[in-house]
Each structure stands twice: as structure tokens, then as C-alpha cells.
All heavy atoms as atom14 arrays in JSON, in Angstrom:
{
  "sequence": "VVPKDSPIKTWQDFVAASKQRDLTIGSFSIGTAFHLVWE",
  "atom14_mask": [
    [1, 1, 1, 1, 1, 1, 1, 0, 0, 0, 0, 0, 0, 0],
    [1, 1, 1, 1, 1, 1, 1, 0, 0, 0, 0, 0, 0, 0],
    [1, 1, 1, 1, 1, 1, 1, 0, 0, 0, 0, 0, 0, 0],
    [1, 1, 1, 1, 1, 1, 1, 1, 1, 0, 0, 0, 0, 0],
    [1, 1, 1, 1, 1, 1, 1, 1, 0, 0, 0, 0, 0, 0],
    [1, 1, 1, 1, 1, 1, 0, 0, 0, 0, 0, 0, 0, 0],
    [1, 1, 1, 1, 1, 1, 1, 0, 0, 0, 0, 0, 0, 0],
    [1, 1, 1, 1, 1, 1, 1, 1, 0, 0, 0, 0, 0, 0],
    [1, 1, 1, 1, 1, 1, 1, 1, 1, 0, 0, 0, 0, 0],
    [1, 1, 1, 1, 1, 1, 1, 0, 0, 0, 0, 0, 0, 0],
    [1, 1, 1, 1, 1, 1, 1, 1, 1, 1, 1, 1, 1, 1],
    [1, 1, 1, 1, 1, 1, 1, 1, 1, 0, 0, 0, 0, 0],
    [1, 1, 1, 1, 1, 1, 1, 1, 0, 0, 0, 0, 0, 0],
    [1, 1, 1, 1, 1, 1, 1, 1, 1, 1, 1, 0, 0, 0],
    [1, 1, 1, 1, 1, 1, 1, 0, 0, 0, 0, 0, 0, 0],
    [1, 1, 1, 1, 1, 0, 0, 0, 0, 0, 0, 0, 0, 0],
    [1, 1, 1, 1, 1, 0, 0, 0, 0, 0, 0, 0, 0, 0],
    [1, 1, 1, 1, 1, 1, 0, 0, 0, 0, 0, 0, 0, 0],
    [1, 1, 1, 1, 1, 1, 1, 1, 1, 0, 0, 0, 0, 0],
    [1, 1, 1, 1, 1, 1, 1, 1, 1, 0, 0, 0, 0, 0],
    [1, 1, 1, 1, 1, 1, 1, 1, 1, 1, 1, 0, 0, 0],
    [1, 1, 1, 1, 1, 1, 1, 1, 0, 0, 0, 0, 0, 0],
    [1, 1, 1, 1, 1, 1, 1, 1, 0, 0, 0, 0, 0, 0],
    [1, 1, 1, 1, 1, 1, 1, 0, 0, 0, 0, 0, 0, 0],
    [1, 1, 1, 1, 1, 1, 1, 1, 0, 0, 0, 0, 0, 0],
    [1, 1, 1, 1, 0, 0, 0, 0, 0, 0, 0, 0, 0, 0],
    [1, 1, 1, 1, 1, 1, 0, 0, 0, 0, 0, 0, 0, 0],
    [1, 1, 1, 1, 1, 1, 1, 1, 1, 1, 1, 0, 0, 0],
    [1, 1, 1, 1, 1, 1, 0, 0, 0, 0, 0, 0, 0, 0],
    [1, 1, 1, 1, 1, 1, 1, 1, 0, 0, 0, 0, 0, 0],
    [1, 1, 1, 1, 0, 0, 0, 0, 0, 0, 0, 0, 0, 0],
    [1, 1, 1, 1, 1, 1, 1, 0, 0, 0, 0, 0, 0, 0],
    [1, 1, 1, 1, 1, 0, 0, 0, 0, 0, 0, 0, 0, 0],
    [1, 1, 1, 1, 1, 1, 1, 1, 1, 1, 1, 0, 0, 0],
    [1, 1, 1, 1, 1, 1, 1, 1, 1, 1, 0, 0, 0, 0],
    [1, 1, 1, 1, 1, 1, 1, 1, 0, 0, 0, 0, 0, 0],
    [1, 1, 1, 1, 1, 1, 1, 0, 0, 0, 0, 0, 0, 0],
    [1, 1, 1, 1, 1, 1, 1, 1, 1, 1, 1, 1, 1, 1],
    [1, 1, 1, 1, 1, 1, 1, 1, 1, 0, 0, 0, 0, 0]
  ],
  "atom14_positions": [
    [[14.34, -33.34, -10.08], [15.6, -32.99, -9.43], [16.62, -32.49, -10.46], [16.59, -32.88, -11.63], [16.21, -34.19, -8.67], [15.37, -34.54, -7.46], [16.36, -35.41, -9.58], [0.0, 0.0, 0.0], [0.0, 0.0, 0.0], [0.0, 0.0, 0.0], [0.0, 0.0, 0.0], [0.0, 0.0, 0.0], [0.0, 0.0, 0.0], [0.0, 0.0, 0.0]],
    [[17.5, -31.61, -10.01], [18.58, -31.06, -10.84], [19.88, -31.14, -10.04], [19.86, -31.27, -8.81], [18.3, -29.59, -11.23], [17.07, -29.49, -12.11], [18.14, -28.72, -9.99], [0.0, 0.0, 0.0], [0.0, 0.0, 0.0], [0.0, 0.0, 0.0], [0.0, 0.0, 0.0], [0.0, 0.0, 0.0], [0.0, 0.0, 0.0], [0.0, 0.0, 0.0]],
    [[21.03, -31.07, -10.71], [22.3, -31.03, -9.98], [22.37, -29.8, -9.08], [21.72, -28.79, -9.34], [23.35, -30.97, -11.09], [22.66, -31.5, -12.3], [21.23, -31.08, -12.17], [0.0, 0.0, 0.0], [0.0, 0.0, 0.0], [0.0, 0.0, 0.0], [0.0, 0.0, 0.0], [0.0, 0.0, 0.0], [0.0, 0.0, 0.0], [0.0, 0.0, 0.0]],
    [[23.17, -29.89, -8.04], [23.23, -28.8, -7.05], [23.66, -27.47, -7.66], [23.25, -26.4, -7.2], [24.18, -29.17, -5.92], [25.64, -29.35, -6.37], [26.56, -29.6, -5.2], [28.02, -29.71, -5.65], [28.94, -29.92, -4.51], [0.0, 0.0, 0.0], [0.0, 0.0, 0.0], [0.0, 0.0, 0.0], [0.0, 0.0, 0.0], [0.0, 0.0, 0.0]],
    [[24.51, -27.51, -8.73], [25.01, -26.27, -9.32], [24.25, -25.87, -10.58], [24.68, -25.0, -11.34], [26.51, -26.41, -9.65], [26.8, -27.61, -10.54], [25.87, -28.4, -10.8], [27.97, -27.76, -10.98], [0.0, 0.0, 0.0], [0.0, 0.0, 0.0], [0.0, 0.0, 0.0], [0.0, 0.0, 0.0], [0.0, 0.0, 0.0], [0.0, 0.0, 0.0]],
    [[23.1, -26.48, -10.82], [22.31, -26.16, -12.01], [21.76, -24.74, -11.94], [21.36, -24.27, -10.88], [21.15, -27.15, -12.14], [20.26, -26.74, -13.16], [0.0, 0.0, 0.0], [0.0, 0.0, 0.0], [0.0, 0.0, 0.0], [0.0, 0.0, 0.0], [0.0, 0.0, 0.0], [0.0, 0.0, 0.0], [0.0, 0.0, 0.0], [0.0, 0.0, 0.0]],
    [[21.71, -24.05, -13.09], [21.09, -22.72, -13.11], [19.58, -22.79, -12.94], [18.93, -21.78, -12.68], [21.46, -22.19, -14.5], [21.7, -23.41, -15.33], [22.28, -24.42, -14.41], [0.0, 0.0, 0.0], [0.0, 0.0, 0.0], [0.0, 0.0, 0.0], [0.0, 0.0, 0.0], [0.0, 0.0, 0.0], [0.0, 0.0, 0.0], [0.0, 0.0, 0.0]],
    [[19.02, -23.99, -13.09], [17.59, -24.18, -12.88], [17.34, -24.32, -11.38], [17.7, -25.32, -10.77], [17.08, -25.43, -13.62], [17.28, -25.27, -15.13], [15.62, -25.7, -13.3], [16.97, -26.52, -15.94], [0.0, 0.0, 0.0], [0.0, 0.0, 0.0], [0.0, 0.0, 0.0], [0.0, 0.0, 0.0], [0.0, 0.0, 0.0], [0.0, 0.0, 0.0]],
    [[16.76, -23.31, -10.79], [16.53, -23.3, -9.34], [15.1, -23.65, -8.96], [14.84, -24.11, -7.84], [16.87, -21.91, -8.77], [18.26, -21.39, -9.14], [19.35, -22.26, -8.54], [20.73, -21.67, -8.86], [21.82, -22.56, -8.4], [0.0, 0.0, 0.0], [0.0, 0.0, 0.0], [0.0, 0.0, 0.0], [0.0, 0.0, 0.0], [0.0, 0.0, 0.0]],
    [[14.16, -23.41, -9.87], [12.74, -23.62, -9.57], [12.06, -24.28, -10.77], [12.63, -24.36, -11.87], [12.03, -22.29, -9.28], [12.05, -21.48, -10.47], [12.7, -21.54, -8.14], [0.0, 0.0, 0.0], [0.0, 0.0, 0.0], [0.0, 0.0, 0.0], [0.0, 0.0, 0.0], [0.0, 0.0, 0.0], [0.0, 0.0, 0.0], [0.0, 0.0, 0.0]],
    [[10.81, -24.7, -10.57], [10.04, -25.26, -11.68], [9.84, -24.2, -12.77], [9.93, -24.49, -13.97], [8.69, -25.76, -11.18], [7.78, -26.22, -12.27], [6.72, -25.55, -12.8], [7.86, -27.45, -13.0], [6.14, -26.28, -13.81], [6.81, -27.45, -13.95], [8.72, -28.55, -12.93], [6.6, -28.52, -14.83], [8.51, -29.61, -13.82], [7.46, -29.59, -14.75]],
    [[9.6, -22.96, -12.35], [9.42, -21.88, -13.33], [10.69, -21.7, -14.16], [10.61, -21.41, -15.37], [9.05, -20.57, -12.62], [7.67, -20.57, -11.98], [7.71, -21.01, -10.52], [8.6, -21.76, -10.1], [6.73, -20.56, -9.73], [0.0, 0.0, 0.0], [0.0, 0.0, 0.0], [0.0, 0.0, 0.0], [0.0, 0.0, 0.0], [0.0, 0.0, 0.0]],
    [[11.85, -21.85, -13.54], [13.12, -21.77, -14.29], [13.19, -22.85, -15.36], [13.65, -22.61, -16.48], [14.31, -21.93, -13.34], [14.53, -20.74, -12.44], [13.96, -19.66, -12.71], [15.27, -20.88, -11.45], [0.0, 0.0, 0.0], [0.0, 0.0, 0.0], [0.0, 0.0, 0.0], [0.0, 0.0, 0.0], [0.0, 0.0, 0.0], [0.0, 0.0, 0.0]],
    [[12.72, -24.05, -14.99], [12.74, -25.17, -15.93], [11.84, -24.88, -17.13], [12.22, -25.08, -18.29], [12.3, -26.45, -15.22], [12.11, -27.64, -16.11], [13.06, -27.99, -17.06], [10.97, -28.42, -16.0], [12.89, -29.11, -17.87], [10.78, -29.53, -16.8], [11.75, -29.87, -17.75], [0.0, 0.0, 0.0], [0.0, 0.0, 0.0], [0.0, 0.0, 0.0]],
    [[10.63, -24.39, -16.85], [9.69, -24.07, -17.93], [10.28, -23.0, -18.84], [10.24, -23.11, -20.08], [8.34, -23.59, -17.35], [7.4, -23.13, -18.47], [7.68, -24.72, -16.55], [0.0, 0.0, 0.0], [0.0, 0.0, 0.0], [0.0, 0.0, 0.0], [0.0, 0.0, 0.0], [0.0, 0.0, 0.0], [0.0, 0.0, 0.0], [0.0, 0.0, 0.0]],
    [[10.86, -21.97, -18.24], [11.43, -20.88, -19.04], [12.62, -21.36, -19.87], [12.75, -21.02, -21.05], [11.87, -19.74, -18.11], [0.0, 0.0, 0.0], [0.0, 0.0, 0.0], [0.0, 0.0, 0.0], [0.0, 0.0, 0.0], [0.0, 0.0, 0.0], [0.0, 0.0, 0.0], [0.0, 0.0, 0.0], [0.0, 0.0, 0.0], [0.0, 0.0, 0.0]],
    [[13.49, -22.17, -19.26], [14.68, -22.67, -19.97], [14.29, -23.56, -21.14], [14.95, -23.56, -22.19], [15.58, -23.43, -19.0], [0.0, 0.0, 0.0], [0.0, 0.0, 0.0], [0.0, 0.0, 0.0], [0.0, 0.0, 0.0], [0.0, 0.0, 0.0], [0.0, 0.0, 0.0], [0.0, 0.0, 0.0], [0.0, 0.0, 0.0], [0.0, 0.0, 0.0]],
    [[13.19, -24.33, -20.98], [12.77, -25.24, -22.05], [12.31, -24.5, -23.29], [12.27, -25.06, -24.39], [11.65, -26.15, -21.54], [10.42, -25.45, -21.47], [0.0, 0.0, 0.0], [0.0, 0.0, 0.0], [0.0, 0.0, 0.0], [0.0, 0.0, 0.0], [0.0, 0.0, 0.0], [0.0, 0.0, 0.0], [0.0, 0.0, 0.0], [0.0, 0.0, 0.0]],
    [[11.95, -23.24, -23.12], [11.49, -22.43, -24.25], [12.65, -21.72, -24.95], [12.48, -21.14, -26.02], [10.45, -21.41, -23.77], [9.18, -22.07, -23.24], [8.19, -21.06, -22.69], [6.93, -21.76, -22.16], [5.95, -20.82, -21.58], [0.0, 0.0, 0.0], [0.0, 0.0, 0.0], [0.0, 0.0, 0.0], [0.0, 0.0, 0.0], [0.0, 0.0, 0.0]],
    [[13.81, -21.76, -24.3], [14.97, -21.07, -24.85], [16.0, -22.01, -25.49], [16.73, -21.63, -26.39], [15.65, -20.26, -23.74], [14.74, -19.17, -23.16], [15.35, -18.52, -21.93], [16.41, -18.93, -21.45], [14.68, -17.5, -21.39], [0.0, 0.0, 0.0], [0.0, 0.0, 0.0], [0.0, 0.0, 0.0], [0.0, 0.0, 0.0], [0.0, 0.0, 0.0]],
    [[16.04, -23.25, -25.01], [17.0, -24.21, -25.54], [16.48, -25.63, -25.36], [15.54, -25.86, -24.61], [18.36, -24.06, -24.84], [18.32, -24.28, -23.33], [19.65, -23.94, -22.69], [19.62, -24.09, -21.23], [19.94, -25.19, -20.57], [20.31, -26.27, -21.27], [19.91, -25.23, -19.25], [0.0, 0.0, 0.0], [0.0, 0.0, 0.0], [0.0, 0.0, 0.0]],
    [[17.09, -26.57, -26.08], [16.69, -27.97, -25.97], [17.2, -28.55, -24.65], [18.39, -28.47, -24.35], [17.25, -28.77, -27.14], [16.62, -28.38, -28.47], [15.47, -27.9, -28.44], [17.27, -28.53, -29.51], [0.0, 0.0, 0.0], [0.0, 0.0, 0.0], [0.0, 0.0, 0.0], [0.0, 0.0, 0.0], [0.0, 0.0, 0.0], [0.0, 0.0, 0.0]],
    [[16.3, -29.14, -23.88], [16.67, -29.75, -22.6], [16.43, -31.25, -22.66], [15.66, -31.75, -23.48], [15.83, -29.15, -21.47], [15.98, -27.65, -21.2], [15.03, -27.23, -20.08], [17.41, -27.3, -20.84], [0.0, 0.0, 0.0], [0.0, 0.0, 0.0], [0.0, 0.0, 0.0], [0.0, 0.0, 0.0], [0.0, 0.0, 0.0], [0.0, 0.0, 0.0]],
    [[17.09, -31.97, -21.76], [16.9, -33.42, -21.65], [16.44, -33.75, -20.24], [16.94, -33.2, -19.26], [18.19, -34.19, -21.94], [19.24, -33.67, -21.1], [18.6, -34.05, -23.39], [0.0, 0.0, 0.0], [0.0, 0.0, 0.0], [0.0, 0.0, 0.0], [0.0, 0.0, 0.0], [0.0, 0.0, 0.0], [0.0, 0.0, 0.0], [0.0, 0.0, 0.0]],
    [[15.46, -34.66, -20.16], [14.99, -35.13, -18.87], [15.15, -36.65, -18.81], [14.76, -37.36, -19.73], [13.53, -34.72, -18.6], [13.06, -35.25, -17.23], [12.58, -35.18, -19.71], [11.78, -34.65, -16.74], [0.0, 0.0, 0.0], [0.0, 0.0, 0.0], [0.0, 0.0, 0.0], [0.0, 0.0, 0.0], [0.0, 0.0, 0.0], [0.0, 0.0, 0.0]],
    [[15.74, -37.12, -17.75], [15.98, -38.55, -17.61], [15.03, -39.2, -16.61], [14.64, -38.58, -15.62], [0.0, 0.0, 0.0], [0.0, 0.0, 0.0], [0.0, 0.0, 0.0], [0.0, 0.0, 0.0], [0.0, 0.0, 0.0], [0.0, 0.0, 0.0], [0.0, 0.0, 0.0], [0.0, 0.0, 0.0], [0.0, 0.0, 0.0], [0.0, 0.0, 0.0]],
    [[14.65, -40.44, -16.9], [13.84, -41.21, -15.98], [13.78, -42.65, -16.48], [14.58, -43.05, -17.31], [12.43, -40.61, -15.85], [11.8, -41.11, -14.68], [0.0, 0.0, 0.0], [0.0, 0.0, 0.0], [0.0, 0.0, 0.0], [0.0, 0.0, 0.0], [0.0, 0.0, 0.0], [0.0, 0.0, 0.0], [0.0, 0.0, 0.0], [0.0, 0.0, 0.0]],
    [[12.79, -43.42, -15.98], [12.73, -44.84, -16.31], [12.2, -45.1, -17.71], [11.82, -44.19, -18.44], [11.87, -45.57, -15.27], [12.61, -45.86, -13.99], [12.53, -44.99, -12.92], [13.38, -46.99, -13.87], [13.21, -45.25, -11.74], [14.05, -47.28, -12.7], [13.97, -46.39, -11.63], [0.0, 0.0, 0.0], [0.0, 0.0, 0.0], [0.0, 0.0, 0.0]],
    [[12.16, -46.37, -18.04], [11.86, -46.84, -19.39], [10.54, -46.33, -19.95], [9.63, -45.96, -19.21], [11.86, -48.37, -19.42], [13.08, -48.88, -18.93], [0.0, 0.0, 0.0], [0.0, 0.0, 0.0], [0.0, 0.0, 0.0], [0.0, 0.0, 0.0], [0.0, 0.0, 0.0], [0.0, 0.0, 0.0], [0.0, 0.0, 0.0], [0.0, 0.0, 0.0]],
    [[10.44, -46.36, -21.28], [9.23, -45.98, -21.98], [8.05, -46.86, -21.51], [8.18, -48.07, -21.38], [9.41, -46.15, -23.51], [10.53, -45.22, -24.02], [8.11, -45.89, -24.24], [10.22, -43.75, -23.89], [0.0, 0.0, 0.0], [0.0, 0.0, 0.0], [0.0, 0.0, 0.0], [0.0, 0.0, 0.0], [0.0, 0.0, 0.0], [0.0, 0.0, 0.0]],
    [[6.92, -46.21, -21.26], [5.73, -46.93, -20.85], [5.57, -47.11, -19.36], [4.54, -47.62, -18.91], [0.0, 0.0, 0.0], [0.0, 0.0, 0.0], [0.0, 0.0, 0.0], [0.0, 0.0, 0.0], [0.0, 0.0, 0.0], [0.0, 0.0, 0.0], [0.0, 0.0, 0.0], [0.0, 0.0, 0.0], [0.0, 0.0, 0.0], [0.0, 0.0, 0.0]],
    [[6.58, -46.73, -18.58], [6.48, -46.84, -17.12], [5.68, -45.65, -16.57], [5.39, -44.68, -17.27], [7.86, -46.85, -16.46], [8.53, -45.6, -16.78], [8.7, -48.01, -16.97], [0.0, 0.0, 0.0], [0.0, 0.0, 0.0], [0.0, 0.0, 0.0], [0.0, 0.0, 0.0], [0.0, 0.0, 0.0], [0.0, 0.0, 0.0], [0.0, 0.0, 0.0]],
    [[5.35, -45.74, -15.28], [4.62, -44.64, -14.64], [5.41, -43.34, -14.74], [4.82, -42.26, -14.93], [4.35, -44.99, -13.18], [0.0, 0.0, 0.0], [0.0, 0.0, 0.0], [0.0, 0.0, 0.0], [0.0, 0.0, 0.0], [0.0, 0.0, 0.0], [0.0, 0.0, 0.0], [0.0, 0.0, 0.0], [0.0, 0.0, 0.0], [0.0, 0.0, 0.0]],
    [[6.73, -43.41, -14.62], [7.56, -42.21, -14.7], [7.4, -41.54, -16.06], [7.25, -40.32, -16.15], [9.03, -42.57, -14.46], [9.33, -42.99, -13.06], [9.2, -44.31, -12.67], [9.74, -42.07, -12.11], [9.46, -44.71, -11.37], [10.01, -42.45, -10.81], [9.87, -43.78, -10.44], [0.0, 0.0, 0.0], [0.0, 0.0, 0.0], [0.0, 0.0, 0.0]],
    [[7.46, -42.33, -17.11], [7.32, -41.79, -18.46], [5.96, -41.13, -18.65], [5.86, -40.0, -19.14], [7.5, -42.92, -19.48], [7.34, -42.49, -20.9], [6.82, -43.3, -21.87], [7.59, -41.29, -21.51], [6.78, -42.65, -23.02], [7.24, -41.43, -22.82], [0.0, 0.0, 0.0], [0.0, 0.0, 0.0], [0.0, 0.0, 0.0], [0.0, 0.0, 0.0]],
    [[4.89, -41.81, -18.22], [3.55, -41.27, -18.41], [3.3, -40.03, -17.55], [2.64, -39.08, -17.98], [2.5, -42.34, -18.11], [2.12, -43.28, -19.26], [1.5, -42.51, -20.42], [3.32, -44.08, -19.77], [0.0, 0.0, 0.0], [0.0, 0.0, 0.0], [0.0, 0.0, 0.0], [0.0, 0.0, 0.0], [0.0, 0.0, 0.0], [0.0, 0.0, 0.0]],
    [[3.84, -40.02, -16.32], [3.7, -38.82, -15.47], [4.4, -37.64, -16.13], [3.87, -36.51, -16.13], [4.27, -39.08, -14.06], [4.45, -37.77, -13.29], [3.34, -40.0, -13.28], [0.0, 0.0, 0.0], [0.0, 0.0, 0.0], [0.0, 0.0, 0.0], [0.0, 0.0, 0.0], [0.0, 0.0, 0.0], [0.0, 0.0, 0.0], [0.0, 0.0, 0.0]],
    [[5.58, -37.89, -16.7], [6.28, -36.8, -17.38], [5.45, -36.26, -18.54], [5.28, -35.05, -18.68], [7.65, -37.25, -17.88], [8.16, -36.37, -18.99], [8.39, -36.72, -20.29], [8.48, -34.96, -18.91], [8.81, -35.63, -21.02], [8.87, -34.54, -20.19], [8.44, -34.03, -17.88], [9.25, -33.23, -20.47], [8.81, -32.71, -18.16], [9.21, -32.33, -19.44]],
    [[4.92, -37.15, -19.36], [4.16, -36.72, -20.53], [2.9, -35.95, -20.11], [2.56, -34.93, -20.73], [3.78, -37.92, -21.39], [4.97, -38.66, -22.02], [5.69, -37.85, -23.09], [5.19, -36.77, -23.47], [6.77, -38.29, -23.53], [0.0, 0.0, 0.0], [0.0, 0.0, 0.0], [0.0, 0.0, 0.0], [0.0, 0.0, 0.0], [0.0, 0.0, 0.0]]
  ]
}
């Protein structure tokens, strides 16, 4: 999920933006299912 006014509109936008600048992704603690799914 992204904020409603984010320039990232699609997953492809996210992938492209990550190659152009440093991004941050938030979720649950290290070692949780959320962390491993992200990795």
C-alpha cells in the first residue's frame, strides 16, 4: 500500500522508482512473516 497522493501508482512504478532513488518500506518486526515475504 502507498498513500493516496503517492506518485507510485502501480507495482511497476515501485520497481522503477526503487532503481532511481532510495525507498523505504515499512512492515512488522524482523523475522516475522511480513519481513520474510518482503525479502
